[in-house]
Amino acid sequence: MPPRLRRFVAAIAVLVFLVFWVWGAVTLNEYLPDIWWVDMIFFTVAGIGWGFPLIPLLRWAERENRK
């Protein structure tokens, strides 16, 4: 797959993933107690945590072509 197409596919995948990640975080937050420090901890973890599942995808998008 050409690098340009691989980056395009990865960009679309990141956008789709983030939509579901945010939806999941907001939905899960509804089940937590309504305390400010619980919200702060939850959204800090959710805000940092989205990057870890995307690392393999971004590495794939930026790798060199194998010939």
PDB file of N, CA and C in Angstrom:
ATOM      1  N   MET A   1       0.848  -1.167   0.000  1.00  0.00           N
ATOM      2  CA  MET A   1       0.000   0.000   0.000  1.00  0.00           C
ATOM      3  C   MET A   1       0.897   1.235   0.000  1.00  0.00           C
ATOM      4  N   PRO A   2       0.602   2.181  -0.844  1.00  0.00           N
ATOM      5  CA  PRO A   2       1.424   3.408  -0.883  1.00  0.00           C
ATOM      6  C   PRO A   2       1.326   4.184   0.430  1.00  0.00           C
ATOM      7  N   PRO A   3       2.395   4.878   0.787  1.00  0.00           N
ATOM      8  CA  PRO A   3       2.403   5.599   2.076  1.00  0.00           C
ATOM      9  C   PRO A   3       1.275   6.625   2.197  1.00  0.00           C
ATOM     10  N   ARG A   4       0.961   7.291   1.124  1.00  0.00           N
ATOM     11  CA  ARG A   4      -0.075   8.316   1.179  1.00  0.00           C
ATOM     12  C   ARG A   4      -1.448   7.694   1.494  1.00  0.00           C
ATOM     13  N   LEU A   5      -1.745   6.572   0.875  1.00  0.00           N
ATOM     14  CA  LEU A   5      -3.007   5.888   1.131  1.00  0.00           C
ATOM     15  C   LEU A   5      -3.038   5.315   2.541  1.00  0.00           C
ATOM     16  N   ARG A   6      -1.901   4.807   2.995  1.00  0.00           N
ATOM     17  CA  ARG A   6      -1.817   4.254   4.347  1.00  0.00           C
ATOM     18  C   ARG A   6      -2.082   5.349   5.387  1.00  0.00           C
ATOM     19  N   ARG A   7      -1.554   6.531   5.169  1.00  0.00           N
ATOM     20  CA  ARG A   7      -1.791   7.643   6.090  1.00  0.00           C
ATOM     21  C   ARG A   7      -3.250   8.094   6.058  1.00  0.00           C
ATOM     22  N   PHE A   8      -3.853   8.078   4.869  1.00  0.00           N
ATOM     23  CA  PHE A   8      -5.261   8.447   4.751  1.00  0.00           C
ATOM     24  C   PHE A   8      -6.149   7.464   5.509  1.00  0.00           C
ATOM     25  N   VAL A   9      -5.880   6.173   5.338  1.00  0.00           N
ATOM     26  CA  VAL A   9      -6.651   5.143   6.044  1.00  0.00           C
ATOM     27  C   VAL A   9      -6.476   5.303   7.550  1.00  0.00           C
ATOM     28  N   ALA A  10      -5.260   5.577   7.985  1.00  0.00           N
ATOM     29  CA  ALA A  10      -5.000   5.762   9.416  1.00  0.00           C
ATOM     30  C   ALA A  10      -5.720   7.001   9.947  1.00  0.00           C
ATOM     31  N   ALA A  11      -5.759   8.069   9.183  1.00  0.00           N
ATOM     32  CA  ALA A  11      -6.442   9.287   9.621  1.00  0.00           C
ATOM     33  C   ALA A  11      -7.941   9.043   9.792  1.00  0.00           C
ATOM     34  N   ILE A  12      -8.544   8.332   8.852  1.00  0.00           N
ATOM     35  CA  ILE A  12      -9.966   8.007   8.963  1.00  0.00           C
ATOM     36  C   ILE A  12     -10.200   7.102  10.175  1.00  0.00           C
ATOM     37  N   ALA A  13      -9.325   6.122  10.370  1.00  0.00           N
ATOM     38  CA  ALA A  13      -9.464   5.210  11.503  1.00  0.00           C
ATOM     39  C   ALA A  13      -9.335   5.954  12.839  1.00  0.00           C
ATOM     40  N   VAL A  14      -8.434   6.917  12.917  1.00  0.00           N
ATOM     41  CA  VAL A  14      -8.270   7.705  14.140  1.00  0.00           C
ATOM     42  C   VAL A  14      -9.545   8.494  14.428  1.00  0.00           C
ATOM     43  N   LEU A  15     -10.108   9.115  13.415  1.00  0.00           N
ATOM     44  CA  LEU A  15     -11.336   9.893  13.614  1.00  0.00           C
ATOM     45  C   LEU A  15     -12.490   9.011  14.084  1.00  0.00           C
ATOM     46  N   VAL A  16     -12.646   7.855  13.457  1.00  0.00           N
ATOM     47  CA  VAL A  16     -13.716   6.929  13.858  1.00  0.00           C
ATOM     48  C   VAL A  16     -13.483   6.437  15.285  1.00  0.00           C
ATOM     49  N   PHE A  17     -12.244   6.076  15.593  1.00  0.00           N
ATOM     50  CA  PHE A  17     -11.917   5.615  16.937  1.00  0.00           C
ATOM     51  C   PHE A  17     -12.222   6.690  17.973  1.00  0.00           C
ATOM     52  N   LEU A  18     -11.841   7.935  17.700  1.00  0.00           N
ATOM     53  CA  LEU A  18     -12.056   9.003  18.675  1.00  0.00           C
ATOM     54  C   LEU A  18     -13.542   9.292  18.902  1.00  0.00           C
ATOM     55  N   VAL A  19     -14.338   9.166  17.855  1.00  0.00           N
ATOM     56  CA  VAL A  19     -15.783   9.355  18.031  1.00  0.00           C
ATOM     57  C   VAL A  19     -16.326   8.318  19.016  1.00  0.00           C
ATOM     58  N   PHE A  20     -15.936   7.051  18.824  1.00  0.00           N
ATOM     59  CA  PHE A  20     -16.409   6.007  19.728  1.00  0.00           C
ATOM     60  C   PHE A  20     -15.779   6.121  21.112  1.00  0.00           C
ATOM     61  N   TRP A  21     -14.545   6.573  21.190  1.00  0.00           N
ATOM     62  CA  TRP A  21     -13.882   6.741  22.486  1.00  0.00           C
ATOM     63  C   TRP A  21     -14.596   7.809  23.320  1.00  0.00           C
ATOM     64  N   VAL A  22     -14.887   8.942  22.702  1.00  0.00           N
ATOM     65  CA  VAL A  22     -15.575  10.018  23.416  1.00  0.00           C
ATOM     66  C   VAL A  22     -16.988   9.587  23.801  1.00  0.00           C
ATOM     67  N   TRP A  23     -17.682   8.943  22.878  1.00  0.00           N
ATOM     68  CA  TRP A  23     -19.026   8.449  23.177  1.00  0.00           C
ATOM     69  C   TRP A  23     -18.989   7.474  24.352  1.00  0.00           C
ATOM     70  N   GLY A  24     -18.034   6.569  24.339  1.00  0.00           N
ATOM     71  CA  GLY A  24     -17.902   5.600  25.427  1.00  0.00           C
ATOM     72  C   GLY A  24     -17.555   6.262  26.749  1.00  0.00           C
ATOM     73  N   ALA A  25     -16.676   7.253  26.723  1.00  0.00           N
ATOM     74  CA  ALA A  25     -16.284   7.935  27.955  1.00  0.00           C
ATOM     75  C   ALA A  25     -17.460   8.698  28.560  1.00  0.00           C
ATOM     76  N   VAL A  26     -18.211   9.383  27.728  1.00  0.00           N
ATOM     77  CA  VAL A  26     -19.360  10.140  28.232  1.00  0.00           C
ATOM     78  C   VAL A  26     -20.437   9.189  28.754  1.00  0.00           C
ATOM     79  N   THR A  27     -20.651   8.094  28.046  1.00  0.00           N
ATOM     80  CA  THR A  27     -21.642   7.116  28.487  1.00  0.00           C
ATOM     81  C   THR A  27     -21.227   6.464  29.804  1.00  0.00           C
ATOM     82  N   LEU A  28     -19.967   6.085  29.903  1.00  0.00           N
ATOM     83  CA  LEU A  28     -19.479   5.465  31.136  1.00  0.00           C
ATOM     84  C   LEU A  28     -19.523   6.441  32.308  1.00  0.00           C
ATOM     85  N   ASN A  29     -19.296   7.707  32.043  1.00  0.00           N
ATOM     86  CA  ASN A  29     -19.312   8.714  33.101  1.00  0.00           C
ATOM     87  C   ASN A  29     -20.698   8.854  33.729  1.00  0.00           C
ATOM     88  N   GLU A  30     -21.735   8.530  32.992  1.00  0.00           N
ATOM     89  CA  GLU A  30     -23.093   8.613  33.538  1.00  0.00           C
ATOM     90  C   GLU A  30     -23.310   7.616  34.674  1.00  0.00           C
ATOM     91  N   TYR A  31     -22.539   6.537  34.708  1.00  0.00           N
ATOM     92  CA  TYR A  31     -22.689   5.508  35.732  1.00  0.00           C
ATOM     93  C   TYR A  31     -21.818   5.756  36.964  1.00  0.00           C
ATOM     94  N   LEU A  32     -20.959   6.749  36.901  1.00  0.00           N
ATOM     95  CA  LEU A  32     -20.097   7.074  38.034  1.00  0.00           C
ATOM     96  C   LEU A  32     -20.804   8.054  38.958  1.00  0.00           C
ATOM     97  N   PRO A  33     -20.392   8.107  40.230  1.00  0.00           N
ATOM     98  CA  PRO A  33     -21.000   9.075  41.147  1.00  0.00           C
ATOM     99  C   PRO A  33     -20.731  10.507  40.683  1.00  0.00           C
ATOM    100  N   ASP A  34     -21.662  11.387  40.982  1.00  0.00           N
ATOM    101  CA  ASP A  34     -21.549  12.784  40.560  1.00  0.00           C
ATOM    102  C   ASP A  34     -20.746  13.588  41.588  1.00  0.00           C
ATOM    103  N   ILE A  35     -19.437  13.280  41.624  1.00  0.00           N
ATOM    104  CA  ILE A  35     -18.512  13.959  42.534  1.00  0.00           C
ATOM    105  C   ILE A  35     -17.411  14.565  41.661  1.00  0.00           C
ATOM    106  N   TRP A  36     -17.013  15.790  41.943  1.00  0.00           N
ATOM    107  CA  TRP A  36     -16.095  16.496  41.051  1.00  0.00           C
ATOM    108  C   TRP A  36     -14.746  15.797  40.922  1.00  0.00           C
ATOM    109  N   TRP A  37     -14.221  15.240  42.016  1.00  0.00           N
ATOM    110  CA  TRP A  37     -12.899  14.615  41.926  1.00  0.00           C
ATOM    111  C   TRP A  37     -12.947  13.283  41.177  1.00  0.00           C
ATOM    112  N   VAL A  38     -14.080  12.585  41.216  1.00  0.00           N
ATOM    113  CA  VAL A  38     -14.232  11.362  40.426  1.00  0.00           C
ATOM    114  C   VAL A  38     -14.249  11.714  38.942  1.00  0.00           C
ATOM    115  N   ASP A  39     -14.967  12.796  38.593  1.00  0.00           N
ATOM    116  CA  ASP A  39     -14.973  13.262  37.204  1.00  0.00           C
ATOM    117  C   ASP A  39     -13.567  13.660  36.748  1.00  0.00           C
ATOM    118  N   MET A  40     -12.841  14.346  37.614  1.00  0.00           N
ATOM    119  CA  MET A  40     -11.500  14.794  37.244  1.00  0.00           C
ATOM    120  C   MET A  40     -10.572  13.600  36.979  1.00  0.00           C
ATOM    121  N   ILE A  41     -10.612  12.616  37.857  1.00  0.00           N
ATOM    122  CA  ILE A  41      -9.766  11.432  37.666  1.00  0.00           C
ATOM    123  C   ILE A  41     -10.189  10.663  36.417  1.00  0.00           C
ATOM    124  N   PHE A  42     -11.495  10.460  36.254  1.00  0.00           N
ATOM    125  CA  PHE A  42     -11.992   9.698  35.113  1.00  0.00           C
ATOM    126  C   PHE A  42     -11.623  10.353  33.787  1.00  0.00           C
ATOM    127  N   PHE A  43     -11.882  11.653  33.670  1.00  0.00           N
ATOM    128  CA  PHE A  43     -11.610  12.312  32.396  1.00  0.00           C
ATOM    129  C   PHE A  43     -10.116  12.525  32.163  1.00  0.00           C
ATOM    130  N   THR A  44      -9.318  12.571  33.211  1.00  0.00           N
ATOM    131  CA  THR A  44      -7.861  12.605  33.028  1.00  0.00           C
ATOM    132  C   THR A  44      -7.374  11.283  32.443  1.00  0.00           C
ATOM    133  N   VAL A  45      -7.844  10.188  33.006  1.00  0.00           N
ATOM    134  CA  VAL A  45      -7.457   8.868  32.492  1.00  0.00           C
ATOM    135  C   VAL A  45      -7.996   8.665  31.070  1.00  0.00           C
ATOM    136  N   ALA A  46      -9.238   9.041  30.833  1.00  0.00           N
ATOM    137  CA  ALA A  46      -9.818   8.903  29.491  1.00  0.00           C
ATOM    138  C   ALA A  46      -9.125   9.823  28.492  1.00  0.00           C
ATOM    139  N   GLY A  47      -8.738  11.005  28.930  1.00  0.00           N
ATOM    140  CA  GLY A  47      -8.073  11.954  28.041  1.00  0.00           C
ATOM    141  C   GLY A  47      -6.666  11.538  27.663  1.00  0.00           C
ATOM    142  N   ILE A  48      -5.993  10.852  28.544  1.00  0.00           N
ATOM    143  CA  ILE A  48      -4.641  10.368  28.249  1.00  0.00           C
ATOM    144  C   ILE A  48      -4.700   9.000  27.577  1.00  0.00           C
ATOM    145  N   GLY A  49      -5.672   8.204  27.981  1.00  0.00           N
ATOM    146  CA  GLY A  49      -5.738   6.818  27.540  1.00  0.00           C
ATOM    147  C   GLY A  49      -6.051   6.591  26.074  1.00  0.00           C
ATOM    148  N   TRP A  50      -6.626   7.571  25.379  1.00  0.00           N
ATOM    149  CA  TRP A  50      -6.991   7.344  23.985  1.00  0.00           C
ATOM    150  C   TRP A  50      -5.775   7.131  23.091  1.00  0.00           C
ATOM    151  N   GLY A  51      -4.634   7.623  23.493  1.00  0.00           N
ATOM    152  CA  GLY A  51      -3.452   7.518  22.643  1.00  0.00           C
ATOM    153  C   GLY A  51      -2.839   6.129  22.603  1.00  0.00           C
ATOM    154  N   PHE A  52      -2.939   5.393  23.676  1.00  0.00           N
ATOM    155  CA  PHE A  52      -2.292   4.082  23.745  1.00  0.00           C
ATOM    156  C   PHE A  52      -2.817   3.078  22.724  1.00  0.00           C
ATOM    157  N   PRO A  53      -4.122   2.962  22.505  1.00  0.00           N
ATOM    158  CA  PRO A  53      -4.589   2.016  21.483  1.00  0.00           C
ATOM    159  C   PRO A  53      -4.231   2.443  20.059  1.00  0.00           C
ATOM    160  N   LEU A  54      -3.933   3.725  19.862  1.00  0.00           N
ATOM    161  CA  LEU A  54      -3.650   4.215  18.512  1.00  0.00           C
ATOM    162  C   LEU A  54      -2.176   4.119  18.129  1.00  0.00           C
ATOM    163  N   ILE A  55      -1.310   3.836  19.065  1.00  0.00           N
ATOM    164  CA  ILE A  55       0.123   3.778  18.768  1.00  0.00           C
ATOM    165  C   ILE A  55       0.446   2.760  17.669  1.00  0.00           C
ATOM    166  N   PRO A  56      -0.070   1.524  17.710  1.00  0.00           N
ATOM    167  CA  PRO A  56       0.235   0.585  16.614  1.00  0.00           C
ATOM    168  C   PRO A  56      -0.275   1.064  15.251  1.00  0.00           C
ATOM    169  N   LEU A  57      -1.430   1.694  15.230  1.00  0.00           N
ATOM    170  CA  LEU A  57      -1.969   2.207  13.973  1.00  0.00           C
ATOM    171  C   LEU A  57      -1.080   3.310  13.405  1.00  0.00           C
ATOM    172  N   LEU A  58      -0.627   4.206  14.244  1.00  0.00           N
ATOM    173  CA  LEU A  58       0.226   5.294  13.777  1.00  0.00           C
ATOM    174  C   LEU A  58       1.594   4.785  13.346  1.00  0.00           C
ATOM    175  N   ARG A  59       2.115   3.779  14.024  1.00  0.00           N
ATOM    176  CA  ARG A  59       3.381   3.175  13.584  1.00  0.00           C
ATOM    177  C   ARG A  59       3.223   2.522  12.213  1.00  0.00           C
ATOM    178  N   TRP A  60       2.095   1.840  12.018  1.00  0.00           N
ATOM    179  CA  TRP A  60       1.826   1.215  10.729  1.00  0.00           C
ATOM    180  C   TRP A  60       1.736   2.273   9.626  1.00  0.00           C
ATOM    181  N   ALA A  61       1.093   3.388   9.922  1.00  0.00           N
ATOM    182  CA  ALA A  61       0.911   4.433   8.912  1.00  0.00           C
ATOM    183  C   ALA A  61       2.236   5.072   8.511  1.00  0.00           C
ATOM    184  N   GLU A  62       3.198   5.103   9.407  1.00  0.00           N
ATOM    185  CA  GLU A  62       4.456   5.786   9.132  1.00  0.00           C
ATOM    186  C   GLU A  62       5.622   4.865   8.776  1.00  0.00           C
ATOM    187  N   ARG A  63       5.370   3.573   8.690  1.00  0.00           N
ATOM    188  CA  ARG A  63       6.472   2.665   8.386  1.00  0.00           C
ATOM    189  C   ARG A  63       6.891   2.785   6.915  1.00  0.00           C
ATOM    190  N   GLU A  64       8.082   2.335   6.660  1.00  0.00           N
ATOM    191  CA  GLU A  64       8.644   2.371   5.313  1.00  0.00           C
ATOM    192  C   GLU A  64       8.035   1.265   4.468  1.00  0.00           C
ATOM    193  N   ASN A  65       7.997   1.476   3.175  1.00  0.00           N
ATOM    194  CA  ASN A  65       7.518   0.419   2.251  1.00  0.00           C
ATOM    195  C   ASN A  65       8.528  -0.716   2.228  1.00  0.00           C
ATOM    196  N   ARG A  66       8.006  -1.928   2.209  1.00  0.00           N
ATOM    197  CA  ARG A  66       8.873  -3.114   2.119  1.00  0.00           C
ATOM    198  C   ARG A  66       8.831  -3.621   0.699  1.00  0.00           C
ATOM    199  N   LYS A  67       9.991  -3.724   0.094  1.00  0.00           N
ATOM    200  CA  LYS A  67      10.048  -4.220  -1.283  1.00  0.00           C
ATOM    201  C   LYS A  67      11.076  -5.318  -1.401  1.00  0.00           C
TER     202      LYS A  67
END
